Amino acid sequence: MMAIVIIGKNTVIEAINAKRKIYELYIQKGTNKDVLSLANDKHIKVKIHDKQALNQLLEGVHQGVGALVDDYAYKSLEDVLNIDKEHKFFVMLDSLEDPHNLGAILRSADAFGVDAVIIPKNRSVKLNATVAKVSTGAIEYVNVVEVTNLSQTIDKLKDNGFWVTGADASADQVIGDIDTNTSLCVVIGSEGKGMHRLVKEKCDYHVKIPMVGHINSLNASVSAGIVIYEVFKKRGI
């Protein structure tokens, strides 16, 4: 497996807690003593750098800590279909390209009990260090599935008892109409373009988020968070 560098305190702590393979930990001298203590407890190799050296080693807002870790792996569709749960909840992302949106969606998915997030192999952001940082560690706990074809995946979900609903601003039904008493997959379209035509047609029905403001559009991560929470709330978890 490939290795990548991740940054940020929460991202690194959750990688340690989730027992991700960590090759080296990088800490700015005099900072993050709690992370250093955790790393020592786990017998992880630590390199201490001054601020200037760490800034050269790590890109972005690293909060004085980074790590070289095993890259993030994807689950198979069969893996998540076999989750031992009567009514599973999946979120399918149709060609999201912004890693910040994917990271934020993973945070919502972890917070509100999403069993898997499905993304396409092509025309989509991948799991990477930016996604990990924005997710603040949620990437360690959410099952992410990468599939070749979303429309064929929808067919397979339906064959396994799922109802599939697409989030669409032009829908007649609202998110409160979602039937959560079943295995459910919610499809979120890409930024600006929405769902691809075939994916949209494959959905059993579509729902919109009711809004009263002047700007009747939300970015993908906000829309996903609202819909995910609505399902969580309706299931009374």
C-alpha atoms as a PDB file:
ATOM      1  CA  MET A   1       0.000   0.000   0.000  1.00  0.00           C
ATOM      2  CA  MET A   2       1.168   3.533  -0.741  1.00  0.00           C
ATOM      3  CA  ALA A   3       1.982   5.980   2.045  1.00  0.00           C
ATOM      4  CA  ILE A   4       0.808   9.591   2.324  1.00  0.00           C
ATOM      5  CA  VAL A   5       1.490  12.499   4.645  1.00  0.00           C
ATOM      6  CA  ILE A   6      -1.468  13.720   6.702  1.00  0.00           C
ATOM      7  CA  ILE A   7      -1.604  16.906   8.774  1.00  0.00           C
ATOM      8  CA  GLY A   8      -3.604  18.357  11.626  1.00  0.00           C
ATOM      9  CA  LYS A   9      -3.956  17.399  15.268  1.00  0.00           C
ATOM     10  CA  ASN A  10      -7.330  15.643  15.171  1.00  0.00           C
ATOM     11  CA  THR A  11      -6.505  13.909  11.899  1.00  0.00           C
ATOM     12  CA  VAL A  12      -3.306  12.440  13.344  1.00  0.00           C
ATOM     13  CA  ILE A  13      -4.850  11.514  16.700  1.00  0.00           C
ATOM     14  CA  GLU A  14      -7.691   9.627  15.033  1.00  0.00           C
ATOM     15  CA  ALA A  15      -5.248   7.854  12.724  1.00  0.00           C
ATOM     16  CA  ILE A  16      -3.397   6.652  15.837  1.00  0.00           C
ATOM     17  CA  ASN A  17      -6.597   5.682  17.648  1.00  0.00           C
ATOM     18  CA  ALA A  18      -7.885   3.820  14.595  1.00  0.00           C
ATOM     19  CA  LYS A  19      -4.628   1.818  14.473  1.00  0.00           C
ATOM     20  CA  ARG A  20      -3.674   3.071  11.018  1.00  0.00           C
ATOM     21  CA  LYS A  21      -0.095   2.123  10.145  1.00  0.00           C
ATOM     22  CA  ILE A  22       2.039   5.155  11.002  1.00  0.00           C
ATOM     23  CA  TYR A  23       5.618   5.166   9.770  1.00  0.00           C
ATOM     24  CA  GLU A  24       6.727   8.487  11.247  1.00  0.00           C
ATOM     25  CA  LEU A  25       5.197  11.279  13.269  1.00  0.00           C
ATOM     26  CA  TYR A  26       6.361  14.867  12.836  1.00  0.00           C
ATOM     27  CA  ILE A  27       5.892  17.359  15.679  1.00  0.00           C
ATOM     28  CA  GLN A  28       6.922  20.978  16.066  1.00  0.00           C
ATOM     29  CA  LYS A  29       9.276  21.416  19.002  1.00  0.00           C
ATOM     30  CA  GLY A  30       7.487  22.436  22.187  1.00  0.00           C
ATOM     31  CA  THR A  31       3.969  21.771  20.874  1.00  0.00           C
ATOM     32  CA  ASN A  32       1.381  18.979  20.858  1.00  0.00           C
ATOM     33  CA  LYS A  33       2.648  17.294  23.998  1.00  0.00           C
ATOM     34  CA  ASP A  34      -0.527  15.209  24.191  1.00  0.00           C
ATOM     35  CA  VAL A  35       0.066  13.840  20.684  1.00  0.00           C
ATOM     36  CA  LEU A  36       3.704  13.136  21.551  1.00  0.00           C
ATOM     37  CA  SER A  37       2.622  11.267  24.686  1.00  0.00           C
ATOM     38  CA  LEU A  38       0.091   9.211  22.716  1.00  0.00           C
ATOM     39  CA  ALA A  39       2.718   8.375  20.089  1.00  0.00           C
ATOM     40  CA  ASN A  40       5.209   7.296  22.747  1.00  0.00           C
ATOM     41  CA  ASP A  41       2.582   5.067  24.343  1.00  0.00           C
ATOM     42  CA  LYS A  42       2.011   3.403  20.971  1.00  0.00           C
ATOM     43  CA  HIS A  43       5.756   3.156  20.247  1.00  0.00           C
ATOM     44  CA  ILE A  44       5.475   5.296  17.117  1.00  0.00           C
ATOM     45  CA  LYS A  45       8.635   6.826  15.682  1.00  0.00           C
ATOM     46  CA  VAL A  46       8.609  10.597  16.271  1.00  0.00           C
ATOM     47  CA  LYS A  47      10.752  13.292  14.669  1.00  0.00           C
ATOM     48  CA  ILE A  48      10.873  16.718  16.321  1.00  0.00           C
ATOM     49  CA  HIS A  49      11.392  19.753  14.065  1.00  0.00           C
ATOM     50  CA  ASP A  50      11.603  23.480  14.605  1.00  0.00           C
ATOM     51  CA  LYS A  51       8.826  25.566  13.067  1.00  0.00           C
ATOM     52  CA  GLN A  52      10.724  26.491   9.919  1.00  0.00           C
ATOM     53  CA  ALA A  53      11.764  22.923   9.164  1.00  0.00           C
ATOM     54  CA  LEU A  54       8.243  21.608   9.783  1.00  0.00           C
ATOM     55  CA  ASN A  55       6.749  24.247   7.487  1.00  0.00           C
ATOM     56  CA  GLN A  56       9.066  23.008   4.753  1.00  0.00           C
ATOM     57  CA  LEU A  57       8.096  19.403   5.400  1.00  0.00           C
ATOM     58  CA  LEU A  58       4.333  19.836   5.766  1.00  0.00           C
ATOM     59  CA  GLU A  59       2.024  21.840   3.521  1.00  0.00           C
ATOM     60  CA  GLY A  60      -1.111  23.584   4.709  1.00  0.00           C
ATOM     61  CA  VAL A  61      -2.373  24.417   8.191  1.00  0.00           C
ATOM     62  CA  HIS A  62      -0.699  21.531  10.012  1.00  0.00           C
ATOM     63  CA  GLN A  63      -1.138  22.743  13.631  1.00  0.00           C
ATOM     64  CA  GLY A  64       2.411  21.620  14.392  1.00  0.00           C
ATOM     65  CA  VAL A  65       1.834  17.944  13.666  1.00  0.00           C
ATOM     66  CA  GLY A  66       1.833  15.551  10.721  1.00  0.00           C
ATOM     67  CA  ALA A  67       2.428  11.888  10.002  1.00  0.00           C
ATOM     68  CA  LEU A  68       3.490   9.524   7.244  1.00  0.00           C
ATOM     69  CA  VAL A  69       0.780   6.859   7.157  1.00  0.00           C
ATOM     70  CA  ASP A  70      -0.665   4.085   5.032  1.00  0.00           C
ATOM     71  CA  ASP A  71      -2.898   5.500   2.321  1.00  0.00           C
ATOM     72  CA  TYR A  72      -6.660   5.236   2.757  1.00  0.00           C
ATOM     73  CA  ALA A  73      -8.289   2.102   1.377  1.00  0.00           C
ATOM     74  CA  TYR A  74     -11.772   1.680  -0.051  1.00  0.00           C
ATOM     75  CA  LYS A  75     -14.336  -0.895   0.942  1.00  0.00           C
ATOM     76  CA  SER A  76     -16.054  -3.052  -1.652  1.00  0.00           C
ATOM     77  CA  LEU A  77     -19.786  -2.768  -2.284  1.00  0.00           C
ATOM     78  CA  GLU A  78     -20.145  -6.355  -1.075  1.00  0.00           C
ATOM     79  CA  ASP A  79     -18.447  -5.409   2.202  1.00  0.00           C
ATOM     80  CA  VAL A  80     -21.017  -2.750   3.030  1.00  0.00           C
ATOM     81  CA  LEU A  81     -24.001  -4.696   1.717  1.00  0.00           C
ATOM     82  CA  ASN A  82     -23.068  -7.390   4.232  1.00  0.00           C
ATOM     83  CA  ILE A  83     -23.142  -5.019   7.209  1.00  0.00           C
ATOM     84  CA  ASP A  84     -25.276  -6.687   9.865  1.00  0.00           C
ATOM     85  CA  LYS A  85     -28.012  -4.099  10.096  1.00  0.00           C
ATOM     86  CA  GLU A  86     -31.673  -4.340   9.144  1.00  0.00           C
ATOM     87  CA  HIS A  87     -32.043  -0.881   7.598  1.00  0.00           C
ATOM     88  CA  LYS A  88     -28.773   0.359   6.197  1.00  0.00           C
ATOM     89  CA  PHE A  89     -28.134   3.977   5.205  1.00  0.00           C
ATOM     90  CA  PHE A  90     -25.813   4.825   2.309  1.00  0.00           C
ATOM     91  CA  VAL A  91     -24.958   8.147   0.683  1.00  0.00           C
ATOM     92  CA  MET A  92     -23.936   8.198  -2.981  1.00  0.00           C
ATOM     93  CA  LEU A  93     -21.956  11.186  -4.289  1.00  0.00           C
ATOM     94  CA  ASP A  94     -22.327  11.810  -8.004  1.00  0.00           C
ATOM     95  CA  SER A  95     -18.975  13.166  -9.212  1.00  0.00           C
ATOM     96  CA  LEU A  96     -18.008  15.536  -6.403  1.00  0.00           C
ATOM     97  CA  GLU A  97     -14.681  17.145  -7.252  1.00  0.00           C
ATOM     98  CA  ASP A  98     -13.955  19.296  -4.192  1.00  0.00           C
ATOM     99  CA  PRO A  99     -12.028  17.478  -1.438  1.00  0.00           C
ATOM    100  CA  HIS A 100     -13.328  19.978   1.124  1.00  0.00           C
ATOM    101  CA  ASN A 101     -16.900  18.928   0.341  1.00  0.00           C
ATOM    102  CA  LEU A 102     -16.032  15.238   0.624  1.00  0.00           C
ATOM    103  CA  GLY A 103     -14.221  15.787   3.921  1.00  0.00           C
ATOM    104  CA  ALA A 104     -17.194  17.688   5.344  1.00  0.00           C
ATOM    105  CA  ILE A 105     -19.608  14.986   4.170  1.00  0.00           C
ATOM    106  CA  LEU A 106     -17.529  12.331   5.913  1.00  0.00           C
ATOM    107  CA  ARG A 107     -17.824  14.345   9.140  1.00  0.00           C
ATOM    108  CA  SER A 108     -21.619  14.358   8.817  1.00  0.00           C
ATOM    109  CA  ALA A 109     -21.653  10.689   7.834  1.00  0.00           C
ATOM    110  CA  ASP A 110     -19.706   9.726  10.946  1.00  0.00           C
ATOM    111  CA  ALA A 111     -21.775  11.962  13.221  1.00  0.00           C
ATOM    112  CA  PHE A 112     -25.163  10.712  12.054  1.00  0.00           C
ATOM    113  CA  GLY A 113     -24.746   7.023  11.391  1.00  0.00           C
ATOM    114  CA  VAL A 114     -24.206   6.663   7.647  1.00  0.00           C
ATOM    115  CA  ASP A 115     -23.092   3.103   6.937  1.00  0.00           C
ATOM    116  CA  ALA A 116     -21.258   3.841   3.681  1.00  0.00           C
ATOM    117  CA  VAL A 117     -20.412   6.670   1.294  1.00  0.00           C
ATOM    118  CA  ILE A 118     -20.254   5.630  -2.365  1.00  0.00           C
ATOM    119  CA  ILE A 119     -18.191   7.534  -4.931  1.00  0.00           C
ATOM    120  CA  PRO A 120     -17.370   6.829  -8.606  1.00  0.00           C
ATOM    121  CA  LYS A 121     -13.851   5.932  -9.732  1.00  0.00           C
ATOM    122  CA  ASN A 122     -13.886   8.532 -12.492  1.00  0.00           C
ATOM    123  CA  ARG A 123     -14.680  12.250 -12.353  1.00  0.00           C
ATOM    124  CA  SER A 124     -14.581  12.317  -8.576  1.00  0.00           C
ATOM    125  CA  VAL A 125     -12.317  13.423  -5.767  1.00  0.00           C
ATOM    126  CA  LYS A 126     -10.416  10.584  -4.089  1.00  0.00           C
ATOM    127  CA  LEU A 127      -9.588   9.961  -0.465  1.00  0.00           C
ATOM    128  CA  ASN A 128      -6.495  12.062   0.156  1.00  0.00           C
ATOM    129  CA  ALA A 129      -4.718  14.168   2.757  1.00  0.00           C
ATOM    130  CA  THR A 130      -6.988  17.185   2.210  1.00  0.00           C
ATOM    131  CA  VAL A 131     -10.115  15.072   2.669  1.00  0.00           C
ATOM    132  CA  ALA A 132      -8.570  13.593   5.822  1.00  0.00           C
ATOM    133  CA  LYS A 133      -7.758  17.034   7.247  1.00  0.00           C
ATOM    134  CA  VAL A 134     -11.214  18.488   6.551  1.00  0.00           C
ATOM    135  CA  SER A 135     -12.900  15.390   7.968  1.00  0.00           C
ATOM    136  CA  THR A 136     -10.959  15.961  11.247  1.00  0.00           C
ATOM    137  CA  GLY A 137     -10.443  12.211  11.558  1.00  0.00           C
ATOM    138  CA  ALA A 138     -13.886  10.994  10.454  1.00  0.00           C
ATOM    139  CA  ILE A 139     -12.192   9.427   7.431  1.00  0.00           C
ATOM    140  CA  GLU A 140     -10.969   6.699   9.785  1.00  0.00           C
ATOM    141  CA  TYR A 141     -14.485   5.580  10.673  1.00  0.00           C
ATOM    142  CA  VAL A 142     -16.643   5.940   7.555  1.00  0.00           C
ATOM    143  CA  ASN A 143     -16.812   3.149   4.995  1.00  0.00           C
ATOM    144  CA  VAL A 144     -16.040   4.663   1.587  1.00  0.00           C
ATOM    145  CA  VAL A 145     -16.811   2.571  -1.492  1.00  0.00           C
ATOM    146  CA  GLU A 146     -15.418   3.318  -4.929  1.00  0.00           C
ATOM    147  CA  VAL A 147     -17.457   1.919  -7.840  1.00  0.00           C
ATOM    148  CA  THR A 148     -17.040   1.906 -11.612  1.00  0.00           C
ATOM    149  CA  ASN A 149     -20.622   2.777 -12.530  1.00  0.00           C
ATOM    150  CA  LEU A 150     -23.129   4.599 -10.317  1.00  0.00           C
ATOM    151  CA  SER A 151     -26.238   3.631 -12.270  1.00  0.00           C
ATOM    152  CA  GLN A 152     -25.324  -0.064 -12.183  1.00  0.00           C
ATOM    153  CA  THR A 153     -24.598   0.300  -8.486  1.00  0.00           C
ATOM    154  CA  ILE A 154     -28.087   1.729  -7.952  1.00  0.00           C
ATOM    155  CA  ASP A 155     -29.511  -1.351  -9.668  1.00  0.00           C
ATOM    156  CA  LYS A 156     -27.534  -3.589  -7.329  1.00  0.00           C
ATOM    157  CA  LEU A 157     -28.692  -1.626  -4.302  1.00  0.00           C
ATOM    158  CA  LYS A 158     -32.304  -2.043  -5.391  1.00  0.00           C
ATOM    159  CA  ASP A 159     -31.725  -5.773  -5.845  1.00  0.00           C
ATOM    160  CA  ASN A 160     -30.617  -5.787  -2.211  1.00  0.00           C
ATOM    161  CA  GLY A 161     -33.754  -4.100  -0.917  1.00  0.00           C
ATOM    162  CA  PHE A 162     -32.678  -0.454  -0.998  1.00  0.00           C
ATOM    163  CA  TRP A 163     -34.827   2.512  -1.922  1.00  0.00           C
ATOM    164  CA  VAL A 164     -32.849   5.217  -3.683  1.00  0.00           C
ATOM    165  CA  THR A 165     -33.741   8.896  -3.439  1.00  0.00           C
ATOM    166  CA  GLY A 166     -31.992  11.769  -5.166  1.00  0.00           C
ATOM    167  CA  ALA A 167     -31.575  15.248  -3.711  1.00  0.00           C
ATOM    168  CA  ASP A 168     -32.909  17.592  -6.399  1.00  0.00           C
ATOM    169  CA  ALA A 169     -33.917  21.239  -5.965  1.00  0.00           C
ATOM    170  CA  SER A 170     -36.703  20.834  -8.551  1.00  0.00           C
ATOM    171  CA  ALA A 171     -38.358  17.865  -6.803  1.00  0.00           C
ATOM    172  CA  ASP A 172     -41.990  17.968  -5.681  1.00  0.00           C
ATOM    173  CA  GLN A 173     -41.373  16.036  -2.470  1.00  0.00           C
ATOM    174  CA  VAL A 174     -39.343  17.386   0.451  1.00  0.00           C
ATOM    175  CA  ILE A 175     -36.765  15.663   2.647  1.00  0.00           C
ATOM    176  CA  GLY A 176     -39.373  15.140   5.359  1.00  0.00           C
ATOM    177  CA  ASP A 177     -41.103  12.728   2.951  1.00  0.00           C
ATOM    178  CA  ILE A 178     -38.159  10.307   2.897  1.00  0.00           C
ATOM    179  CA  ASP A 179     -39.206   6.824   3.996  1.00  0.00           C
ATOM    180  CA  THR A 180     -36.568   5.781   6.501  1.00  0.00           C
ATOM    181  CA  ASN A 181     -38.210   2.488   7.449  1.00  0.00           C
ATOM    182  CA  THR A 182     -36.132   0.655   4.862  1.00  0.00           C
ATOM    183  CA  SER A 183     -32.579   0.379   3.645  1.00  0.00           C
ATOM    184  CA  LEU A 184     -31.942   3.732   2.007  1.00  0.00           C
ATOM    185  CA  CYS A 185     -29.440   5.367  -0.319  1.00  0.00           C
ATOM    186  CA  VAL A 186     -29.488   9.144  -0.811  1.00  0.00           C
ATOM    187  CA  VAL A 187     -27.805  10.513  -3.947  1.00  0.00           C
ATOM    188  CA  ILE A 188     -26.140  13.943  -3.786  1.00  0.00           C
ATOM    189  CA  GLY A 189     -25.214  15.583  -7.083  1.00  0.00           C
ATOM    190  CA  SER A 190     -22.015  17.374  -7.974  1.00  0.00           C
ATOM    191  CA  GLU A 191     -21.328  21.039  -7.334  1.00  0.00           C
ATOM    192  CA  GLY A 192     -23.257  23.114  -9.863  1.00  0.00           C
ATOM    193  CA  LYS A 193     -24.252  20.239 -12.146  1.00  0.00           C
ATOM    194  CA  GLY A 194     -26.382  18.044  -9.923  1.00  0.00           C
ATOM    195  CA  MET A 195     -26.922  14.380 -10.730  1.00  0.00           C
ATOM    196  CA  HIS A 196     -26.118  12.910 -14.118  1.00  0.00           C
ATOM    197  CA  ARG A 197     -29.223  12.177 -16.161  1.00  0.00           C
ATOM    198  CA  LEU A 198     -29.037   8.382 -15.941  1.00  0.00           C
ATOM    199  CA  VAL A 199     -28.337   8.440 -12.208  1.00  0.00           C
ATOM    200  CA  LYS A 200     -31.278  10.789 -11.689  1.00  0.00           C
ATOM    201  CA  GLU A 201     -33.567   8.542 -13.721  1.00  0.00           C
ATOM    202  CA  LYS A 202     -32.532   5.481 -11.731  1.00  0.00           C
ATOM    203  CA  CYS A 203     -33.662   7.033  -8.422  1.00  0.00           C
ATOM    204  CA  ASP A 204     -37.008   5.808  -7.088  1.00  0.00           C
ATOM    205  CA  TYR A 205     -37.998   9.378  -6.211  1.00  0.00           C
ATOM    206  CA  HIS A 206     -36.475  12.810  -5.601  1.00  0.00           C
ATOM    207  CA  VAL A 207     -36.622  15.198  -2.664  1.00  0.00           C
ATOM    208  CA  LYS A 208     -35.675  18.810  -2.098  1.00  0.00           C
ATOM    209  CA  ILE A 209     -34.633  20.812   0.928  1.00  0.00           C
ATOM    210  CA  PRO A 210     -37.334  23.417   1.591  1.00  0.00           C
ATOM    211  CA  MET A 211     -35.851  26.901   1.803  1.00  0.00           C
ATOM    212  CA  VAL A 212     -37.191  30.432   2.267  1.00  0.00           C
ATOM    213  CA  GLY A 213     -34.125  32.537   1.477  1.00  0.00           C
ATOM    214  CA  HIS A 214     -33.273  34.508  -1.612  1.00  0.00           C
ATOM    215  CA  ILE A 215     -30.474  32.131  -2.661  1.00  0.00           C
ATOM    216  CA  ASN A 216     -32.093  28.756  -3.200  1.00  0.00           C
ATOM    217  CA  SER A 217     -28.929  26.723  -3.515  1.00  0.00           C
ATOM    218  CA  LEU A 218     -26.537  25.079  -1.085  1.00  0.00           C
ATOM    219  CA  ASN A 219     -23.168  23.495  -1.684  1.00  0.00           C
ATOM    220  CA  ALA A 220     -22.942  19.727  -1.788  1.00  0.00           C
ATOM    221  CA  SER A 221     -21.604  19.216   1.732  1.00  0.00           C
ATOM    222  CA  VAL A 222     -24.267  21.428   3.337  1.00  0.00           C
ATOM    223  CA  SER A 223     -27.044  19.732   1.359  1.00  0.00           C
ATOM    224  CA  ALA A 224     -25.696  16.312   2.269  1.00  0.00           C
ATOM    225  CA  GLY A 225     -25.428  17.250   5.945  1.00  0.00           C
ATOM    226  CA  ILE A 226     -29.041  18.441   6.081  1.00  0.00           C
ATOM    227  CA  VAL A 227     -30.400  15.338   4.340  1.00  0.00           C
ATOM    228  CA  ILE A 228     -28.249  12.992   6.434  1.00  0.00           C
ATOM    229  CA  TYR A 229     -29.457  14.617   9.642  1.00  0.00           C
ATOM    230  CA  GLU A 230     -33.089  14.416   8.488  1.00  0.00           C
ATOM    231  CA  VAL A 231     -32.754  10.642   8.058  1.00  0.00           C
ATOM    232  CA  PHE A 232     -30.987  10.364  11.433  1.00  0.00           C
ATOM    233  CA  LYS A 233     -33.754  12.387  13.097  1.00  0.00           C
ATOM    234  CA  LYS A 234     -36.606  10.443  11.492  1.00  0.00           C
ATOM    235  CA  ARG A 235     -35.082   7.148  12.558  1.00  0.00           C
ATOM    236  CA  GLY A 236     -35.066   8.408  16.125  1.00  0.00           C
ATOM    237  CA  ILE A 237     -31.555   7.204  16.816  1.00  0.00           C
END
